[in-house]
Structure formats: structure tokens, C-alpha cells
Amino acid sequence: MNKPLSAHDALIYVMVMASAVDSTMNDRELERIGQLIGFLPVFRDFDDDKLIAVARDCASLLAGPEGLDVVLETVRDTLPAKLYDTAYALAVEVASADLSVKAEELRLLSLLRDRLGLDKLTCAAIERSAIARFRKG
């Protein structure tokens, strides 16, 4: 991959990682990615026509040698620090979309938290808010 990544691309990489980490990208997770891109202010200027290409680029990196580490480093190096918690929140949203967070997804969240240097209290608040949003009545 030779072209520089945008912050939008890096955030999409985070969501693709969260969806793919358990070796399945299910329909609920993919639908949630589309919803998030469609309504969050951080994606306001994103060209939706680029989504498939960005996701494909991420999948290619993930499939390569040390793919997860490469993508995590790429995300950290691309995003401004003010979007680190946003990236973590997006990962939590996608991991929670199927109402079940698997061990692989928990491990990814831990790696992402550590790579981005996020404090545990911030991450716990993001996780707790996802629990509240996805709780069944």
C-alpha cells in the first residue's frame, strides 16, 4: 500500500479489525460499520464510495505477515491523538454489534487500548456505554 492513509481510513481499519478478528465478518457487524460511517460527525467528509476499497486494503494488510501489528501501528501513526478514544469506541461498537463479544475481540480491544495509550478508566466508560446501548429490554 503506497498511498497515505487519512484519519477516516484509519478509523475504518479499526472497525474492519474489530469485525474480522474472530475470523468472521458477520452481517450485523458490517451493517453497524455502515451505520456508524453514515451518521457519526467524524465521517462527515468521507466519500462512501471508497469504503469497500479501504476495507479491502485493511484486509490485505491483516492477511500479511504480522498483519495485526502492522494495522495497529498504522492506525496509531495515522490518527491524531484526539481520535484515539474515538477509534476505541468504534471498535467496541463493532465488537458489540452481534450482542456477543468473543475472546478474540476482547484481546483486540486490549491491544488497541495499549497501542493507543488509552487509560483504563476511559476504556471502561466506553465499554459500559456500549453495554447500556445494546442491552435488551
N, C-alpha and C. Protein backbone atom coordinates (compact mmCIF):
# COMPACT_ATOMS: atom_id res chain seq x y z
N MET A 1 0.85 -1.18 0.00
CA MET A 1 0.00 0.00 0.00
C MET A 1 0.89 1.23 0.00
N ASN A 2 0.77 2.03 -1.02
CA ASN A 2 1.66 3.17 -1.19
C ASN A 2 1.02 4.50 -0.85
N LYS A 3 -0.30 4.59 -0.93
CA LYS A 3 -0.95 5.87 -0.70
C LYS A 3 -1.07 6.14 0.80
N PRO A 4 -0.94 7.41 1.18
CA PRO A 4 -1.07 7.72 2.61
C PRO A 4 -2.51 7.53 3.07
N LEU A 5 -2.66 7.14 4.31
CA LEU A 5 -3.99 6.95 4.89
C LEU A 5 -4.51 8.25 5.46
N SER A 6 -5.81 8.38 5.42
CA SER A 6 -6.46 9.50 6.09
C SER A 6 -6.93 9.01 7.46
N ALA A 7 -7.36 9.94 8.28
CA ALA A 7 -7.94 9.57 9.58
C ALA A 7 -9.18 8.71 9.36
N HIS A 8 -9.98 9.03 8.34
CA HIS A 8 -11.15 8.22 8.03
C HIS A 8 -10.73 6.78 7.75
N ASP A 9 -9.71 6.62 6.92
CA ASP A 9 -9.23 5.28 6.58
C ASP A 9 -8.80 4.53 7.83
N ALA A 10 -8.06 5.19 8.71
CA ALA A 10 -7.57 4.54 9.92
C ALA A 10 -8.73 4.11 10.82
N LEU A 11 -9.75 4.93 10.92
CA LEU A 11 -10.91 4.57 11.73
C LEU A 11 -11.65 3.38 11.12
N ILE A 12 -11.72 3.34 9.81
CA ILE A 12 -12.34 2.20 9.14
C ILE A 12 -11.49 0.95 9.36
N TYR A 13 -10.19 1.08 9.33
CA TYR A 13 -9.31 -0.05 9.63
C TYR A 13 -9.63 -0.62 11.01
N VAL A 14 -9.85 0.25 11.98
CA VAL A 14 -10.18 -0.21 13.34
C VAL A 14 -11.47 -1.03 13.31
N MET A 15 -12.47 -0.54 12.60
CA MET A 15 -13.75 -1.27 12.56
C MET A 15 -13.61 -2.59 11.81
N VAL A 16 -12.85 -2.60 10.73
CA VAL A 16 -12.63 -3.85 9.99
C VAL A 16 -11.89 -4.85 10.87
N MET A 17 -10.87 -4.39 11.59
CA MET A 17 -10.15 -5.27 12.52
C MET A 17 -11.10 -5.87 13.54
N ALA A 18 -11.94 -5.03 14.12
CA ALA A 18 -12.86 -5.50 15.16
C ALA A 18 -13.84 -6.53 14.60
N SER A 19 -14.22 -6.38 13.36
CA SER A 19 -15.13 -7.32 12.75
C SER A 19 -14.42 -8.61 12.33
N ALA A 20 -13.21 -8.50 11.85
CA ALA A 20 -12.50 -9.65 11.28
C ALA A 20 -11.69 -10.46 12.29
N VAL A 21 -11.45 -9.93 13.47
CA VAL A 21 -10.53 -10.56 14.41
C VAL A 21 -10.95 -11.97 14.81
N ASP A 22 -12.24 -12.25 14.80
CA ASP A 22 -12.70 -13.59 15.15
C ASP A 22 -12.89 -14.47 13.92
N SER A 23 -12.31 -14.06 12.80
CA SER A 23 -12.32 -14.78 11.52
C SER A 23 -13.68 -14.78 10.83
N THR A 24 -14.62 -14.02 11.32
CA THR A 24 -15.92 -13.90 10.66
C THR A 24 -16.34 -12.44 10.67
N MET A 25 -16.73 -11.96 9.52
CA MET A 25 -17.29 -10.61 9.43
C MET A 25 -18.78 -10.80 9.18
N ASN A 26 -19.56 -10.79 10.26
CA ASN A 26 -20.99 -11.10 10.09
C ASN A 26 -21.78 -9.87 9.64
N ASP A 27 -23.01 -10.14 9.22
CA ASP A 27 -23.85 -9.09 8.66
C ASP A 27 -24.15 -7.97 9.65
N ARG A 28 -24.34 -8.32 10.91
CA ARG A 28 -24.63 -7.28 11.91
C ARG A 28 -23.45 -6.33 12.07
N GLU A 29 -22.25 -6.88 12.08
CA GLU A 29 -21.06 -6.03 12.21
C GLU A 29 -20.88 -5.15 10.99
N LEU A 30 -21.05 -5.72 9.81
CA LEU A 30 -20.91 -4.93 8.59
C LEU A 30 -21.98 -3.85 8.49
N GLU A 31 -23.19 -4.19 8.89
CA GLU A 31 -24.27 -3.20 8.90
C GLU A 31 -23.94 -2.08 9.89
N ARG A 32 -23.40 -2.44 11.05
CA ARG A 32 -23.05 -1.43 12.06
C ARG A 32 -21.97 -0.49 11.54
N ILE A 33 -20.98 -1.04 10.83
CA ILE A 33 -19.93 -0.19 10.24
C ILE A 33 -20.57 0.84 9.31
N GLY A 34 -21.46 0.39 8.45
CA GLY A 34 -22.14 1.31 7.54
C GLY A 34 -22.95 2.37 8.26
N GLN A 35 -23.65 1.96 9.34
CA GLN A 35 -24.42 2.92 10.12
C GLN A 35 -23.53 3.97 10.76
N LEU A 36 -22.43 3.52 11.34
CA LEU A 36 -21.52 4.46 12.01
C LEU A 36 -20.93 5.47 11.02
N ILE A 37 -20.53 4.98 9.87
CA ILE A 37 -19.99 5.89 8.85
C ILE A 37 -21.05 6.86 8.37
N GLY A 38 -22.29 6.39 8.33
CA GLY A 38 -23.39 7.21 7.84
C GLY A 38 -23.83 8.32 8.77
N PHE A 39 -23.64 8.15 10.10
CA PHE A 39 -24.20 9.17 10.98
C PHE A 39 -23.22 9.85 11.92
N LEU A 40 -22.02 9.34 12.09
CA LEU A 40 -21.09 10.00 13.02
C LEU A 40 -20.43 11.22 12.38
N PRO A 41 -20.33 12.30 13.14
CA PRO A 41 -19.71 13.52 12.61
C PRO A 41 -18.27 13.32 12.13
N VAL A 42 -17.53 12.41 12.73
CA VAL A 42 -16.14 12.21 12.33
C VAL A 42 -16.02 11.74 10.87
N PHE A 43 -17.10 11.14 10.34
CA PHE A 43 -17.10 10.66 8.95
C PHE A 43 -17.83 11.60 8.00
N ARG A 44 -18.15 12.78 8.45
CA ARG A 44 -18.95 13.72 7.65
C ARG A 44 -18.38 13.92 6.24
N ASP A 45 -17.08 14.06 6.10
CA ASP A 45 -16.48 14.33 4.79
C ASP A 45 -15.97 13.08 4.08
N PHE A 46 -16.30 11.90 4.60
CA PHE A 46 -15.83 10.66 3.98
C PHE A 46 -16.66 10.34 2.74
N ASP A 47 -15.97 9.93 1.68
CA ASP A 47 -16.63 9.52 0.44
C ASP A 47 -17.01 8.04 0.57
N ASP A 48 -18.31 7.78 0.71
CA ASP A 48 -18.80 6.41 0.92
C ASP A 48 -18.37 5.45 -0.19
N ASP A 49 -18.12 5.96 -1.37
CA ASP A 49 -17.72 5.11 -2.48
C ASP A 49 -16.34 4.48 -2.25
N LYS A 50 -15.58 5.02 -1.30
CA LYS A 50 -14.25 4.49 -1.00
C LYS A 50 -14.26 3.38 0.04
N LEU A 51 -15.40 3.15 0.68
CA LEU A 51 -15.45 2.21 1.80
C LEU A 51 -14.94 0.82 1.45
N ILE A 52 -15.41 0.26 0.37
CA ILE A 52 -15.01 -1.11 0.01
C ILE A 52 -13.52 -1.17 -0.26
N ALA A 53 -12.97 -0.19 -0.95
CA ALA A 53 -11.53 -0.19 -1.23
C ALA A 53 -10.71 -0.07 0.06
N VAL A 54 -11.14 0.77 0.97
CA VAL A 54 -10.42 0.94 2.24
C VAL A 54 -10.48 -0.35 3.04
N ALA A 55 -11.67 -0.96 3.11
CA ALA A 55 -11.82 -2.23 3.84
C ALA A 55 -10.97 -3.32 3.21
N ARG A 56 -10.91 -3.35 1.91
CA ARG A 56 -10.10 -4.35 1.20
C ARG A 56 -8.61 -4.14 1.49
N ASP A 57 -8.17 -2.88 1.50
CA ASP A 57 -6.76 -2.59 1.82
C ASP A 57 -6.42 -3.07 3.23
N CYS A 58 -7.33 -2.83 4.15
CA CYS A 58 -7.11 -3.28 5.53
C CYS A 58 -7.03 -4.79 5.60
N ALA A 59 -7.95 -5.47 4.93
CA ALA A 59 -7.96 -6.94 4.92
C ALA A 59 -6.66 -7.49 4.34
N SER A 60 -6.14 -6.84 3.32
CA SER A 60 -4.86 -7.27 2.73
C SER A 60 -3.72 -7.14 3.73
N LEU A 61 -3.70 -6.02 4.45
CA LEU A 61 -2.66 -5.85 5.47
C LEU A 61 -2.80 -6.88 6.58
N LEU A 62 -4.02 -7.12 7.01
CA LEU A 62 -4.26 -8.09 8.08
C LEU A 62 -3.81 -9.50 7.68
N ALA A 63 -3.95 -9.82 6.40
CA ALA A 63 -3.58 -11.15 5.92
C ALA A 63 -2.07 -11.32 5.74
N GLY A 64 -1.34 -10.24 5.76
CA GLY A 64 0.11 -10.29 5.57
C GLY A 64 0.84 -10.68 6.83
N PRO A 65 2.17 -10.77 6.72
CA PRO A 65 2.98 -11.11 7.89
C PRO A 65 2.79 -10.09 9.00
N GLU A 66 2.54 -10.59 10.21
CA GLU A 66 2.33 -9.73 11.38
C GLU A 66 1.28 -8.67 11.11
N GLY A 67 0.23 -9.08 10.39
CA GLY A 67 -0.80 -8.17 9.93
C GLY A 67 -1.46 -7.34 11.00
N LEU A 68 -1.82 -7.97 12.10
CA LEU A 68 -2.49 -7.23 13.17
C LEU A 68 -1.59 -6.14 13.73
N ASP A 69 -0.33 -6.47 13.97
CA ASP A 69 0.61 -5.46 14.47
C ASP A 69 0.80 -4.33 13.47
N VAL A 70 0.88 -4.68 12.20
CA VAL A 70 1.07 -3.66 11.16
C VAL A 70 -0.12 -2.71 11.14
N VAL A 71 -1.32 -3.26 11.20
CA VAL A 71 -2.51 -2.40 11.16
C VAL A 71 -2.61 -1.55 12.42
N LEU A 72 -2.33 -2.14 13.57
CA LEU A 72 -2.36 -1.36 14.82
C LEU A 72 -1.37 -0.20 14.77
N GLU A 73 -0.17 -0.46 14.28
CA GLU A 73 0.84 0.60 14.16
C GLU A 73 0.40 1.66 13.16
N THR A 74 -0.16 1.21 12.06
CA THR A 74 -0.63 2.14 11.03
C THR A 74 -1.71 3.06 11.58
N VAL A 75 -2.64 2.48 12.32
CA VAL A 75 -3.71 3.27 12.93
C VAL A 75 -3.12 4.29 13.90
N ARG A 76 -2.24 3.82 14.78
CA ARG A 76 -1.64 4.74 15.77
C ARG A 76 -0.88 5.87 15.09
N ASP A 77 -0.13 5.55 14.06
CA ASP A 77 0.69 6.55 13.39
C ASP A 77 -0.13 7.51 12.52
N THR A 78 -1.31 7.09 12.11
CA THR A 78 -2.13 7.91 11.21
C THR A 78 -3.07 8.83 11.97
N LEU A 79 -3.69 8.31 13.03
CA LEU A 79 -4.70 9.10 13.74
C LEU A 79 -4.07 10.18 14.61
N PRO A 80 -4.69 11.35 14.66
CA PRO A 80 -4.28 12.32 15.68
C PRO A 80 -4.71 11.78 17.04
N ALA A 81 -3.98 12.10 18.08
CA ALA A 81 -4.25 11.58 19.42
C ALA A 81 -5.68 11.88 19.88
N LYS A 82 -6.25 12.98 19.43
CA LYS A 82 -7.61 13.33 19.85
C LYS A 82 -8.65 12.33 19.35
N LEU A 83 -8.29 11.49 18.37
CA LEU A 83 -9.23 10.48 17.85
C LEU A 83 -8.95 9.07 18.38
N TYR A 84 -8.00 8.93 19.29
CA TYR A 84 -7.70 7.60 19.83
C TYR A 84 -8.91 7.02 20.56
N ASP A 85 -9.57 7.81 21.39
CA ASP A 85 -10.73 7.27 22.10
C ASP A 85 -11.89 7.01 21.14
N THR A 86 -11.98 7.79 20.08
CA THR A 86 -12.99 7.55 19.05
C THR A 86 -12.74 6.20 18.38
N ALA A 87 -11.49 5.92 18.07
CA ALA A 87 -11.14 4.63 17.47
C ALA A 87 -11.53 3.48 18.39
N TYR A 88 -11.23 3.63 19.66
CA TYR A 88 -11.57 2.58 20.62
C TYR A 88 -13.09 2.41 20.70
N ALA A 89 -13.81 3.51 20.72
CA ALA A 89 -15.28 3.45 20.78
C ALA A 89 -15.84 2.75 19.55
N LEU A 90 -15.27 3.02 18.38
CA LEU A 90 -15.73 2.35 17.16
C LEU A 90 -15.47 0.85 17.23
N ALA A 91 -14.32 0.46 17.74
CA ALA A 91 -14.02 -0.97 17.88
C ALA A 91 -15.02 -1.65 18.81
N VAL A 92 -15.33 -0.99 19.91
CA VAL A 92 -16.31 -1.53 20.86
C VAL A 92 -17.68 -1.65 20.20
N GLU A 93 -18.08 -0.63 19.45
CA GLU A 93 -19.38 -0.66 18.76
C GLU A 93 -19.48 -1.85 17.82
N VAL A 94 -18.46 -2.07 17.03
CA VAL A 94 -18.49 -3.17 16.06
C VAL A 94 -18.42 -4.52 16.78
N ALA A 95 -17.59 -4.64 17.78
CA ALA A 95 -17.48 -5.90 18.53
C ALA A 95 -18.81 -6.23 19.22
N SER A 96 -19.54 -5.21 19.64
CA SER A 96 -20.80 -5.41 20.36
C SER A 96 -21.99 -5.60 19.44
N ALA A 97 -21.84 -5.36 18.17
CA ALA A 97 -22.97 -5.34 17.24
C ALA A 97 -23.75 -6.64 17.19
N ASP A 98 -23.07 -7.76 17.38
CA ASP A 98 -23.77 -9.05 17.33
C ASP A 98 -24.20 -9.51 18.73
N LEU A 99 -24.14 -8.60 19.69
CA LEU A 99 -24.59 -8.83 21.07
C LEU A 99 -23.79 -9.91 21.79
N SER A 100 -22.59 -10.15 21.32
CA SER A 100 -21.71 -11.14 21.94
C SER A 100 -20.27 -10.74 21.63
N VAL A 101 -19.48 -10.50 22.66
CA VAL A 101 -18.09 -10.12 22.45
C VAL A 101 -17.23 -11.35 22.76
N LYS A 102 -16.54 -11.82 21.74
CA LYS A 102 -15.74 -13.04 21.86
C LYS A 102 -14.36 -12.73 22.43
N ALA A 103 -13.67 -13.77 22.85
CA ALA A 103 -12.35 -13.63 23.45
C ALA A 103 -11.38 -12.91 22.51
N GLU A 104 -11.45 -13.22 21.22
CA GLU A 104 -10.56 -12.58 20.25
C GLU A 104 -10.82 -11.08 20.18
N GLU A 105 -12.08 -10.70 20.27
CA GLU A 105 -12.44 -9.28 20.23
C GLU A 105 -11.96 -8.57 21.50
N LEU A 106 -12.08 -9.24 22.64
CA LEU A 106 -11.58 -8.66 23.88
C LEU A 106 -10.07 -8.46 23.80
N ARG A 107 -9.38 -9.43 23.23
CA ARG A 107 -7.92 -9.32 23.08
C ARG A 107 -7.56 -8.14 22.16
N LEU A 108 -8.30 -7.99 21.07
CA LEU A 108 -8.05 -6.86 20.17
C LEU A 108 -8.27 -5.54 20.90
N LEU A 109 -9.34 -5.44 21.66
CA LEU A 109 -9.60 -4.21 22.40
C LEU A 109 -8.46 -3.90 23.36
N SER A 110 -7.94 -4.93 24.00
CA SER A 110 -6.80 -4.74 24.90
C SER A 110 -5.56 -4.27 24.14
N LEU A 111 -5.29 -4.88 23.00
CA LEU A 111 -4.14 -4.47 22.18
C LEU A 111 -4.31 -3.03 21.69
N LEU A 112 -5.51 -2.70 21.25
CA LEU A 112 -5.78 -1.35 20.76
C LEU A 112 -5.62 -0.33 21.89
N ARG A 113 -6.17 -0.63 23.05
CA ARG A 113 -6.03 0.26 24.21
C ARG A 113 -4.56 0.50 24.52
N ASP A 114 -3.78 -0.57 24.55
CA ASP A 114 -2.36 -0.44 24.87
C ASP A 114 -1.59 0.31 23.79
N ARG A 115 -1.87 -0.01 22.53
CA ARG A 115 -1.15 0.63 21.42
C ARG A 115 -1.44 2.11 21.35
N LEU A 116 -2.67 2.49 21.68
CA LEU A 116 -3.04 3.91 21.63
C LEU A 116 -2.77 4.63 22.95
N GLY A 117 -2.35 3.89 23.96
CA GLY A 117 -2.03 4.50 25.24
C GLY A 117 -3.24 5.07 25.96
N LEU A 118 -4.38 4.42 25.79
CA LEU A 118 -5.61 4.89 26.44
C LEU A 118 -5.67 4.40 27.88
N ASP A 119 -6.20 5.24 28.76
CA ASP A 119 -6.29 4.83 30.16
C ASP A 119 -7.48 3.90 30.36
N LYS A 120 -7.35 3.05 31.35
CA LYS A 120 -8.37 2.02 31.60
C LYS A 120 -9.73 2.62 31.98
N LEU A 121 -9.73 3.74 32.66
CA LEU A 121 -11.00 4.36 33.06
C LEU A 121 -11.79 4.84 31.84
N THR A 122 -11.10 5.47 30.90
CA THR A 122 -11.76 5.91 29.67
C THR A 122 -12.33 4.72 28.91
N CYS A 123 -11.53 3.67 28.80
CA CYS A 123 -11.97 2.48 28.08
C CYS A 123 -13.15 1.81 28.78
N ALA A 124 -13.10 1.76 30.10
CA ALA A 124 -14.21 1.17 30.86
C ALA A 124 -15.50 1.96 30.64
N ALA A 125 -15.39 3.28 30.58
CA ALA A 125 -16.57 4.11 30.34
C ALA A 125 -17.14 3.85 28.95
N ILE A 126 -16.28 3.73 27.96
CA ILE A 126 -16.72 3.44 26.59
C ILE A 126 -17.40 2.07 26.55
N GLU A 127 -16.79 1.08 27.19
CA GLU A 127 -17.35 -0.26 27.20
C GLU A 127 -18.70 -0.29 27.92
N ARG A 128 -18.79 0.40 29.04
CA ARG A 128 -20.03 0.43 29.82
C ARG A 128 -21.15 1.09 29.04
N SER A 129 -20.82 2.13 28.29
CA SER A 129 -21.85 2.79 27.50
C SER A 129 -22.36 1.87 26.38
N ALA A 130 -21.49 1.04 25.83
CA ALA A 130 -21.93 0.07 24.81
C ALA A 130 -22.86 -0.97 25.43
N ILE A 131 -22.53 -1.41 26.65
CA ILE A 131 -23.40 -2.37 27.33
C ILE A 131 -24.80 -1.77 27.51
N ALA A 132 -24.85 -0.52 27.91
CA ALA A 132 -26.13 0.14 28.12
C ALA A 132 -26.90 0.28 26.81
N ARG A 133 -26.21 0.63 25.73
CA ARG A 133 -26.87 0.82 24.43
C ARG A 133 -27.40 -0.47 23.84
N PHE A 134 -26.68 -1.56 24.03
CA PHE A 134 -27.05 -2.82 23.40
C PHE A 134 -27.88 -3.75 24.30
N ARG A 135 -28.19 -3.32 25.51
CA ARG A 135 -28.96 -4.15 26.43
C ARG A 135 -30.38 -4.37 25.88
N LYS A 136 -30.84 -5.59 26.00
CA LYS A 136 -32.21 -5.90 25.60
C LYS A 136 -33.15 -5.55 26.72
N GLY A 137 -34.35 -5.12 26.38
CA GLY A 137 -35.35 -4.68 27.36
C GLY A 137 -35.94 -5.77 28.19
